[in-house]
Structure formats: structure tokens, C-alpha cells
Amino acid sequence: MIMSKDIFERDRSGEVVSIHDPEFYKIGVAIEHAQKLIAGLNTGYHNAAKVRDLFSQLTGEIVNETFELLPPFYTDYGQNIRVGKHVFINQGCTFMDRGGITIEDHVLIAPKVNLVTINHPVAPSQRRSTVSTPIVIKKGAWIGIAATIMPGVTVGENSIISAGAVVTKDVPANTIVAGIPAKVIKTIEE
């Protein structure tokens, strides 16, 4: 017997998801749940342990004790965010994670960074539908202030995304990218 994928599996796998899909309401329920957790995270002062606890509730996975996050933090869903060890996320970041966001060990993320896994079809008749593809940030990468990483991008190991860059394509390992759209401006020599 072939089991059909639920809307969350279809959303994560890059399929077009229509707002008219009979299961679309489930995404709304999940987003509402995430917003309640985000409100708790972003309201008042929390010590580092409490921030990790709230972030773990948001992602559904216990984060390592070396994880650091400075609120406020924003996400649409939260359950598709995975973070490694020694990850630092600064204030005011937005992670639209319906397609999945993987952040490997020793990654630094500056303030106001946007990681956006969701997009819309180009055809006007389908534009209210969504298409989500994952973002992967490899070990040792550094994402500069107010950079935006678009759906489907992998940032290579030890790479640097310059402040304000808009990354639309994969970034090779050990490179620095800058601009809109981001382009390689330098290779990192150890």
C-alpha cells in the first residue's frame, strides 16, 4: 500500500503547496503554535539556559549547551530548524524554515540575518501557492549582518557572507561572497 505524504512532507520536499490544499490549515496551526513560543522567547529577559530551553521547544529538538541565541528571534514554523554545536545567532534574525534549515557546528550568524526557505511559483495563477527548499550552512561559516540567504542555498564550510549580501546560489567552501546577488570576491587561505 502506498502512503501519500502529508502536507509537511510535501512542503519540505519542494513540492508546490496550494493554499487550497485540504491539509493547508495544518500549516496555519503549526505557525500559530510557533508564534506562541516566539512570543515567550521574545518577551522579557531570559538567561542563556532558558533561551536554549525555549528554542528547543520551538525546534522540537534539544539544542547543545554551547548554542547561543540573543533574542528577539523570528520564525514561521521552527520545527524544521536544526543547529549544531557552538552556534551563535545574534539579535533580530528571521528564519523562514518550512523547507528546512540546517546550521552545522561553529557557525556565526550576525544580527538581522534572514534565512528564507519559502518561495512562490512564478506563474500568476499559482502565485499564492508556496514552494519550499532547504538551506544548509556548513561548519565554520559566518553570516554577516543583514544578509539574506534564499531558498535552496548551501553555504560552504568556513565561508563568509558579507553584510547585506543576498545569496541566491550555493557558496563554495572557503570563500567570501558579497553583493546583490552575492558573488565570490575572495578565496580564504588558511
Foldseek 3Di string as FASTA:
>chain_A
DDDDDAPLVCQQVFHWAACPPPRVVVLVVQQVVLVVLLCVLAPDDDPQVVNQVSLCVQQVHRADSLEEEDDDEEERHSVQEAEEHNEYAYYAEYEDASNHEYHYEQEYEYHQEYEHQKAADPDPVGRNIITGHYEYEDAQEYEEANEYEYHPEYEAHNEYEYHPEYDDYYHYHQFYWYDVPTDTDGGHDD
